[in-house]
Amino acid sequence: MKTETRTTAAPPLICDLGALAAPDLAVVDALARLRRAAARHGVRLVLRNVNGPLRELLAFSGLAAVLLVEPDEEDGVGDGLLPGLQPGRQAEQREEHLGVEEVGDPGDPAR
C-alpha cells in the first residue's frame, strides 16, 4: 500500500454564509460535518460573513471554539464569542418563592 505525502499546504476552504437569512441547528450540524470532512482531508475550514444569530448558535452549541470564523470588517467580531459575552461566568441563582415549603414524609427523621 502506497502512502501519499503532500508537499504543499492545501488552501483553506472558505464558506461564505452571507446569504444565510435564518440559521437554525440544522445549519450548525451541517457546518460541524463540513468541518470534520475538511479536517479528514487536511483542509482548514474558514467561515466568512457569519451573522449575529449564527454566532449565537455556534456559541450556544460549543462549536465557536472549533470553527474558525473570519472577522467582520466593520466590527472586528470573529473570535467565536458574542460581543459582551464573558466566558466562565456563573449562571444566576434563582430566588426561592415566599411561602413555599418542602413537604416531608412523616416517617423520615427531622434534620
N, C-alpha and C. Protein backbone atom coordinates (compact mmCIF):
# COMPACT_ATOMS: atom_id res chain seq x y z
N MET A 1 0.85 -1.18 0.00
CA MET A 1 0.00 0.00 0.00
C MET A 1 0.89 1.24 0.00
N LYS A 2 0.62 2.14 -0.89
CA LYS A 2 1.43 3.33 -1.05
C LYS A 2 0.83 4.49 -0.26
N THR A 3 1.67 5.19 0.51
CA THR A 3 1.21 6.34 1.28
C THR A 3 1.61 7.61 0.54
N GLU A 4 0.65 8.47 0.34
CA GLU A 4 0.89 9.71 -0.37
C GLU A 4 1.16 10.83 0.63
N THR A 5 2.23 11.56 0.43
CA THR A 5 2.53 12.70 1.30
C THR A 5 2.34 13.98 0.50
N ARG A 6 1.79 14.95 1.15
CA ARG A 6 1.55 16.23 0.49
C ARG A 6 2.72 17.16 0.78
N THR A 7 3.24 17.76 -0.28
CA THR A 7 4.35 18.68 -0.11
C THR A 7 3.88 20.12 -0.01
N THR A 8 2.72 20.41 -0.53
CA THR A 8 2.20 21.77 -0.45
C THR A 8 0.99 21.79 0.47
N ALA A 9 0.85 22.89 1.19
CA ALA A 9 -0.30 23.04 2.09
C ALA A 9 -1.54 23.36 1.25
N ALA A 10 -2.63 22.70 1.60
CA ALA A 10 -3.89 22.92 0.88
C ALA A 10 -4.45 24.29 1.26
N PRO A 11 -5.02 25.01 0.31
CA PRO A 11 -5.63 26.29 0.65
C PRO A 11 -6.87 26.05 1.51
N PRO A 12 -7.23 27.02 2.34
CA PRO A 12 -8.40 26.82 3.20
C PRO A 12 -9.69 26.78 2.38
N LEU A 13 -10.66 26.07 2.91
CA LEU A 13 -11.99 26.03 2.33
C LEU A 13 -12.78 27.19 2.95
N ILE A 14 -13.14 28.17 2.16
CA ILE A 14 -13.85 29.35 2.66
C ILE A 14 -15.34 29.16 2.39
N CYS A 15 -16.13 29.20 3.45
CA CYS A 15 -17.58 29.04 3.36
C CYS A 15 -18.23 30.39 3.65
N ASP A 16 -18.76 31.04 2.61
CA ASP A 16 -19.39 32.36 2.75
C ASP A 16 -20.85 32.16 3.14
N LEU A 17 -21.21 32.63 4.33
CA LEU A 17 -22.57 32.45 4.87
C LEU A 17 -23.38 33.74 4.84
N GLY A 18 -22.97 34.69 4.00
CA GLY A 18 -23.63 35.99 3.94
C GLY A 18 -25.08 35.94 3.51
N ALA A 19 -25.46 34.97 2.70
CA ALA A 19 -26.84 34.88 2.21
C ALA A 19 -27.75 34.09 3.15
N LEU A 20 -27.20 33.58 4.22
CA LEU A 20 -27.99 32.80 5.18
C LEU A 20 -28.86 33.73 6.01
N ALA A 21 -30.17 33.64 5.84
CA ALA A 21 -31.09 34.58 6.50
C ALA A 21 -31.49 34.13 7.90
N ALA A 22 -31.91 32.89 8.05
CA ALA A 22 -32.42 32.40 9.34
C ALA A 22 -31.73 31.09 9.71
N PRO A 23 -30.57 31.17 10.34
CA PRO A 23 -29.86 29.94 10.70
C PRO A 23 -30.59 29.17 11.80
N ASP A 24 -30.45 27.85 11.75
CA ASP A 24 -31.03 27.01 12.79
C ASP A 24 -30.01 25.92 13.13
N LEU A 25 -30.42 24.97 13.96
CA LEU A 25 -29.49 23.92 14.38
C LEU A 25 -29.11 22.99 13.23
N ALA A 26 -29.92 22.91 12.20
CA ALA A 26 -29.55 22.11 11.03
C ALA A 26 -28.33 22.72 10.34
N VAL A 27 -28.26 24.04 10.30
CA VAL A 27 -27.10 24.72 9.72
C VAL A 27 -25.86 24.44 10.58
N VAL A 28 -26.02 24.51 11.89
CA VAL A 28 -24.90 24.24 12.79
C VAL A 28 -24.41 22.80 12.59
N ASP A 29 -25.34 21.87 12.47
CA ASP A 29 -24.98 20.47 12.24
C ASP A 29 -24.23 20.32 10.91
N ALA A 30 -24.71 20.98 9.87
CA ALA A 30 -24.05 20.90 8.56
C ALA A 30 -22.64 21.49 8.62
N LEU A 31 -22.48 22.59 9.34
CA LEU A 31 -21.14 23.20 9.47
C LEU A 31 -20.19 22.30 10.25
N ALA A 32 -20.70 21.63 11.28
CA ALA A 32 -19.86 20.72 12.06
C ALA A 32 -19.42 19.54 11.19
N ARG A 33 -20.34 19.02 10.38
CA ARG A 33 -19.99 17.90 9.49
C ARG A 33 -19.01 18.35 8.40
N LEU A 34 -19.20 19.56 7.88
CA LEU A 34 -18.29 20.09 6.87
C LEU A 34 -16.90 20.28 7.43
N ARG A 35 -16.80 20.78 8.66
CA ARG A 35 -15.51 20.96 9.30
C ARG A 35 -14.81 19.62 9.50
N ARG A 36 -15.56 18.63 9.92
CA ARG A 36 -14.99 17.30 10.15
C ARG A 36 -14.49 16.68 8.84
N ALA A 37 -15.28 16.81 7.77
CA ALA A 37 -14.87 16.27 6.48
C ALA A 37 -13.64 17.00 5.95
N ALA A 38 -13.60 18.32 6.12
CA ALA A 38 -12.44 19.09 5.66
C ALA A 38 -11.19 18.68 6.44
N ALA A 39 -11.34 18.48 7.75
CA ALA A 39 -10.19 18.09 8.57
C ALA A 39 -9.66 16.72 8.16
N ARG A 40 -10.55 15.82 7.80
CA ARG A 40 -10.12 14.48 7.33
C ARG A 40 -9.25 14.57 6.09
N HIS A 41 -9.49 15.59 5.28
CA HIS A 41 -8.73 15.77 4.04
C HIS A 41 -7.58 16.77 4.21
N GLY A 42 -7.34 17.20 5.43
CA GLY A 42 -6.24 18.11 5.69
C GLY A 42 -6.49 19.54 5.24
N VAL A 43 -7.76 19.92 5.17
CA VAL A 43 -8.12 21.27 4.73
C VAL A 43 -8.73 22.02 5.90
N ARG A 44 -8.37 23.27 6.04
CA ARG A 44 -8.90 24.11 7.10
C ARG A 44 -10.16 24.82 6.60
N LEU A 45 -11.22 24.79 7.42
CA LEU A 45 -12.49 25.44 7.09
C LEU A 45 -12.52 26.83 7.72
N VAL A 46 -12.83 27.84 6.91
CA VAL A 46 -12.94 29.21 7.39
C VAL A 46 -14.35 29.71 7.06
N LEU A 47 -15.06 30.21 8.07
CA LEU A 47 -16.41 30.75 7.86
C LEU A 47 -16.33 32.25 7.65
N ARG A 48 -17.01 32.72 6.61
CA ARG A 48 -16.98 34.15 6.28
C ARG A 48 -18.40 34.70 6.32
N ASN A 49 -18.54 35.97 6.72
CA ASN A 49 -19.83 36.68 6.77
C ASN A 49 -20.84 35.95 7.67
N VAL A 50 -20.42 35.63 8.88
CA VAL A 50 -21.28 34.96 9.84
C VAL A 50 -22.11 36.02 10.56
N ASN A 51 -23.45 35.90 10.49
CA ASN A 51 -24.32 36.90 11.12
C ASN A 51 -24.49 36.64 12.62
N GLY A 52 -25.08 37.59 13.30
CA GLY A 52 -25.25 37.51 14.76
C GLY A 52 -26.00 36.28 15.25
N PRO A 53 -27.17 35.95 14.67
CA PRO A 53 -27.88 34.76 15.14
C PRO A 53 -27.08 33.47 14.98
N LEU A 54 -26.31 33.36 13.89
CA LEU A 54 -25.49 32.16 13.71
C LEU A 54 -24.34 32.15 14.71
N ARG A 55 -23.76 33.31 14.99
CA ARG A 55 -22.71 33.39 16.02
C ARG A 55 -23.26 32.91 17.37
N GLU A 56 -24.50 33.31 17.68
CA GLU A 56 -25.12 32.89 18.94
C GLU A 56 -25.32 31.38 18.97
N LEU A 57 -25.79 30.80 17.87
CA LEU A 57 -25.99 29.36 17.81
C LEU A 57 -24.66 28.61 17.94
N LEU A 58 -23.62 29.12 17.30
CA LEU A 58 -22.31 28.47 17.40
C LEU A 58 -21.77 28.54 18.83
N ALA A 59 -21.97 29.68 19.48
CA ALA A 59 -21.53 29.81 20.87
C ALA A 59 -22.35 28.90 21.79
N PHE A 60 -23.65 28.84 21.56
CA PHE A 60 -24.54 28.01 22.38
C PHE A 60 -24.21 26.53 22.23
N SER A 61 -23.88 26.11 21.01
CA SER A 61 -23.60 24.70 20.75
C SER A 61 -22.18 24.30 21.15
N GLY A 62 -21.33 25.27 21.41
CA GLY A 62 -19.95 24.97 21.77
C GLY A 62 -19.03 24.86 20.57
N LEU A 63 -19.54 25.09 19.38
CA LEU A 63 -18.72 24.97 18.18
C LEU A 63 -17.92 26.23 17.87
N ALA A 64 -18.18 27.31 18.57
CA ALA A 64 -17.43 28.54 18.33
C ALA A 64 -15.95 28.34 18.63
N ALA A 65 -15.65 27.39 19.51
CA ALA A 65 -14.25 27.15 19.88
C ALA A 65 -13.51 26.35 18.82
N VAL A 66 -14.21 25.60 17.96
CA VAL A 66 -13.53 24.77 16.97
C VAL A 66 -13.69 25.26 15.54
N LEU A 67 -14.68 26.10 15.27
CA LEU A 67 -14.86 26.64 13.93
C LEU A 67 -14.16 27.97 13.81
N LEU A 68 -13.39 28.15 12.76
CA LEU A 68 -12.67 29.39 12.55
C LEU A 68 -13.58 30.37 11.83
N VAL A 69 -13.91 31.48 12.51
CA VAL A 69 -14.79 32.50 11.94
C VAL A 69 -13.94 33.70 11.57
N GLU A 70 -14.03 34.10 10.30
CA GLU A 70 -13.27 35.25 9.83
C GLU A 70 -13.85 36.52 10.44
N PRO A 71 -13.02 37.47 10.89
CA PRO A 71 -13.55 38.70 11.50
C PRO A 71 -14.30 39.55 10.48
N ASP A 72 -15.34 40.23 10.96
CA ASP A 72 -16.08 41.17 10.13
C ASP A 72 -15.26 42.44 9.98
N GLU A 73 -15.39 43.08 8.82
CA GLU A 73 -14.62 44.30 8.59
C GLU A 73 -15.09 45.45 9.47
N GLU A 74 -16.43 45.57 9.65
CA GLU A 74 -16.95 46.74 10.35
C GLU A 74 -16.80 46.69 11.86
N ASP A 75 -16.94 45.51 12.48
CA ASP A 75 -16.88 45.49 13.94
C ASP A 75 -15.74 44.63 14.48
N GLY A 76 -15.04 43.93 13.64
CA GLY A 76 -13.91 43.13 14.09
C GLY A 76 -14.29 41.90 14.88
N VAL A 77 -15.58 41.55 14.90
CA VAL A 77 -16.02 40.38 15.64
C VAL A 77 -15.72 39.15 14.80
N GLY A 78 -15.05 38.16 15.37
CA GLY A 78 -14.75 36.98 14.62
C GLY A 78 -14.07 35.93 15.47
N ASP A 79 -14.06 36.13 16.76
CA ASP A 79 -13.38 35.19 17.64
C ASP A 79 -14.30 34.09 18.12
N GLY A 80 -15.53 34.01 17.61
CA GLY A 80 -16.45 32.97 18.03
C GLY A 80 -17.24 33.34 19.26
N LEU A 81 -16.88 34.43 19.93
CA LEU A 81 -17.63 34.86 21.12
C LEU A 81 -18.54 36.01 20.75
N LEU A 82 -19.65 36.07 21.39
CA LEU A 82 -20.57 37.17 21.16
C LEU A 82 -20.03 38.42 21.81
N PRO A 83 -20.33 39.60 21.24
CA PRO A 83 -19.90 40.83 21.90
C PRO A 83 -20.51 40.91 23.29
N GLY A 84 -19.69 41.18 24.28
CA GLY A 84 -20.16 41.29 25.66
C GLY A 84 -20.24 39.98 26.40
N LEU A 85 -19.96 38.87 25.73
CA LEU A 85 -20.01 37.57 26.38
C LEU A 85 -18.75 37.37 27.19
N GLN A 86 -18.90 36.99 28.43
CA GLN A 86 -17.76 36.76 29.31
C GLN A 86 -17.71 35.28 29.64
N PRO A 87 -16.76 34.54 29.06
CA PRO A 87 -16.71 33.11 29.33
C PRO A 87 -16.33 32.84 30.77
N GLY A 88 -16.86 31.74 31.30
CA GLY A 88 -16.51 31.33 32.65
C GLY A 88 -17.36 31.94 33.75
N ARG A 89 -18.38 32.70 33.43
CA ARG A 89 -19.23 33.30 34.45
C ARG A 89 -20.26 32.29 34.92
N GLN A 90 -20.69 32.44 36.16
CA GLN A 90 -21.69 31.57 36.75
C GLN A 90 -23.09 32.02 36.33
N ALA A 91 -23.98 31.07 36.22
CA ALA A 91 -25.37 31.40 35.92
C ALA A 91 -26.02 32.04 37.14
N GLU A 92 -27.04 32.84 36.90
CA GLU A 92 -27.74 33.47 38.02
C GLU A 92 -28.41 32.41 38.88
N GLN A 93 -28.41 32.66 40.19
CA GLN A 93 -29.12 31.76 41.08
C GLN A 93 -30.56 32.24 41.22
N ARG A 94 -31.46 31.30 41.27
CA ARG A 94 -32.88 31.65 41.37
C ARG A 94 -33.25 31.90 42.81
N GLU A 95 -34.11 32.86 43.00
CA GLU A 95 -34.61 33.14 44.34
C GLU A 95 -35.73 32.17 44.68
N GLU A 96 -35.81 31.80 45.94
CA GLU A 96 -36.90 30.92 46.36
C GLU A 96 -38.17 31.74 46.50
N HIS A 97 -39.27 31.14 46.13
CA HIS A 97 -40.55 31.82 46.25
C HIS A 97 -40.98 31.82 47.71
N LEU A 98 -41.55 32.93 48.14
CA LEU A 98 -42.01 33.04 49.52
C LEU A 98 -43.24 32.17 49.73
N GLY A 99 -43.33 31.57 50.88
CA GLY A 99 -44.49 30.77 51.22
C GLY A 99 -44.45 29.35 50.70
N VAL A 100 -43.35 28.96 50.09
CA VAL A 100 -43.24 27.60 49.57
C VAL A 100 -42.40 26.79 50.55
N GLU A 101 -42.96 25.70 51.02
CA GLU A 101 -42.25 24.84 51.95
C GLU A 101 -42.17 23.44 51.38
N GLU A 102 -41.11 22.74 51.75
CA GLU A 102 -40.97 21.36 51.31
C GLU A 102 -41.88 20.49 52.15
N VAL A 103 -42.45 19.50 51.51
CA VAL A 103 -43.29 18.55 52.21
C VAL A 103 -42.45 17.31 52.45
N GLY A 104 -42.37 16.90 53.70
CA GLY A 104 -41.57 15.73 54.03
C GLY A 104 -42.45 14.54 54.36
N ASP A 105 -41.84 13.40 54.32
CA ASP A 105 -42.52 12.16 54.68
C ASP A 105 -42.54 12.06 56.20
N PRO A 106 -43.70 11.81 56.82
CA PRO A 106 -43.76 11.75 58.28
C PRO A 106 -42.85 10.67 58.88
N GLY A 107 -42.47 9.66 58.11
CA GLY A 107 -41.59 8.61 58.60
C GLY A 107 -40.13 8.99 58.57
N ASP A 108 -39.76 10.07 57.84
CA ASP A 108 -38.35 10.49 57.77
C ASP A 108 -37.97 11.25 59.04
N PRO A 109 -36.76 10.99 59.54
CA PRO A 109 -36.31 11.76 60.72
C PRO A 109 -36.10 13.24 60.36
N ALA A 110 -36.33 14.10 61.29
CA ALA A 110 -36.15 15.54 61.08
C ALA A 110 -34.66 15.84 60.97
N ARG A 111 -34.33 16.82 60.22
CA ARG A 111 -32.91 17.20 60.07
C ARG A 111 -32.57 18.34 60.94
